[in-house]
């Protein structure tokens, strides 16, 4: 049996590409738990995951970001995910939503 490793991808949108569109940026900043739930819904996660994002913000993003990386074969580590979620949770929510919105 031969195992072929998939080449890793990069995030289509960098972490700090979170200022456009402005409406999303404002929603992510002023109603962050709602936006995280929206990002979970866009990523195809279950209703439970969306509720988790809303109630446990920003800790729920520690589940959502690695899941997004796995679904899109994006390189990274749990440590990088942890740092991004703790330091820039609004940007992480926008990055995840944009990644799945484009359907790549």
Protein backbone atom coordinates (compact mmCIF):
# COMPACT_ATOMS: atom_id res chain seq x y z
CA UNK A 1 0.00 0.00 0.00
CA UNK A 2 1.37 3.37 -1.03
CA UNK A 3 0.45 6.47 0.93
CA UNK A 4 0.65 9.74 -0.93
CA UNK A 5 0.72 12.91 1.14
CA UNK A 6 -1.37 15.82 -0.12
CA UNK A 7 0.60 19.01 -0.72
CA UNK A 8 -0.35 21.70 1.76
CA UNK A 9 -2.19 24.81 0.74
CA UNK A 10 -2.07 28.30 2.17
CA UNK A 11 -5.00 30.35 3.39
CA UNK A 12 -6.56 32.10 0.41
CA UNK A 13 -7.10 35.16 2.61
CA UNK A 14 -4.37 36.26 5.04
CA UNK A 15 -5.32 36.69 8.69
CA UNK A 16 -5.18 40.48 8.51
CA UNK A 17 -7.27 40.76 5.35
CA UNK A 18 -10.17 41.45 7.68
CA UNK A 19 -10.93 45.10 6.91
CA UNK A 20 -12.82 44.43 3.69
CA UNK A 21 -15.76 44.34 3.26
CA UNK A 22 -16.27 47.05 5.85
CA UNK A 23 -19.75 45.80 6.83
CA UNK A 24 -18.35 42.39 7.74
CA UNK A 25 -15.48 43.98 9.63
CA UNK A 26 -17.88 46.05 11.73
CA UNK A 27 -20.15 43.08 12.40
CA UNK A 28 -17.18 40.88 13.34
CA UNK A 29 -15.91 43.54 15.75
CA UNK A 30 -19.12 44.74 17.38
CA UNK A 31 -21.04 41.44 17.41
CA UNK A 32 -18.21 38.94 17.40
CA UNK A 33 -20.11 35.90 18.76
CA UNK A 34 -22.81 36.33 16.10
CA UNK A 35 -20.20 36.60 13.36
CA UNK A 36 -18.36 33.50 14.61
CA UNK A 37 -21.65 31.57 14.46
CA UNK A 38 -22.16 32.90 10.92
CA UNK A 39 -18.65 31.72 9.97
CA UNK A 40 -19.43 28.25 11.36
CA UNK A 41 -22.60 28.13 9.29
CA UNK A 42 -20.74 29.22 6.13
CA UNK A 43 -18.18 26.47 6.70
CA UNK A 44 -20.90 23.84 6.60
CA UNK A 45 -20.68 22.95 10.27
CA UNK A 46 -23.70 21.74 12.19
CA UNK A 47 -26.16 23.91 14.07
CA UNK A 48 -24.51 22.72 17.28
CA UNK A 49 -21.19 24.15 16.10
CA UNK A 50 -22.81 27.50 15.33
CA UNK A 51 -24.37 27.58 18.79
CA UNK A 52 -20.99 26.64 20.29
CA UNK A 53 -19.36 29.55 18.45
CA UNK A 54 -21.96 31.94 19.81
CA UNK A 55 -21.94 30.74 23.43
CA UNK A 56 -18.23 29.99 23.83
CA UNK A 57 -16.69 32.82 21.82
CA UNK A 58 -13.71 32.93 21.17
CA UNK A 59 -12.87 29.45 22.46
CA UNK A 60 -15.19 27.82 19.92
CA UNK A 61 -12.88 29.12 17.20
CA UNK A 62 -10.24 26.73 18.55
CA UNK A 63 -12.42 23.99 17.07
CA UNK A 64 -13.43 25.79 13.89
CA UNK A 65 -10.04 26.97 12.61
CA UNK A 66 -8.32 23.54 12.63
CA UNK A 67 -11.45 22.08 11.04
CA UNK A 68 -11.26 24.67 8.26
CA UNK A 69 -7.56 23.89 7.74
CA UNK A 70 -8.33 20.18 7.53
CA UNK A 71 -11.17 20.63 5.01
CA UNK A 72 -9.02 22.78 2.70
CA UNK A 73 -5.69 20.96 3.24
CA UNK A 74 -4.14 24.12 4.65
CA UNK A 75 -0.74 23.89 6.31
CA UNK A 76 -0.48 25.04 9.90
CA UNK A 77 -0.38 23.86 13.48
CA UNK A 78 -2.58 23.87 16.52
CA UNK A 79 -0.15 26.27 18.18
CA UNK A 80 -0.55 28.81 15.35
CA UNK A 81 -4.32 28.33 15.48
CA UNK A 82 -4.32 28.90 19.24
CA UNK A 83 -2.24 32.09 18.97
CA UNK A 84 -4.39 33.49 16.15
CA UNK A 85 -7.65 32.73 17.97
CA UNK A 86 -6.54 34.19 21.30
CA UNK A 87 -4.90 37.31 19.85
CA UNK A 88 -7.12 38.09 16.82
CA UNK A 89 -10.48 36.30 17.14
CA UNK A 90 -12.39 38.74 14.90
CA UNK A 91 -9.84 38.33 12.12
CA UNK A 92 -9.96 34.54 12.46
CA UNK A 93 -13.76 34.55 12.11
CA UNK A 94 -13.56 36.65 8.96
CA UNK A 95 -10.76 34.54 7.51
CA UNK A 96 -12.76 31.33 7.98
CA UNK A 97 -15.94 32.81 6.56
CA UNK A 98 -14.18 34.20 3.49
CA UNK A 99 -12.38 30.90 2.90
CA UNK A 100 -15.65 29.00 2.71
CA UNK A 101 -17.70 31.73 1.04
CA UNK A 102 -15.65 31.42 -2.14
CA UNK A 103 -16.32 27.68 -2.20
CA UNK A 104 -12.74 26.60 -2.72
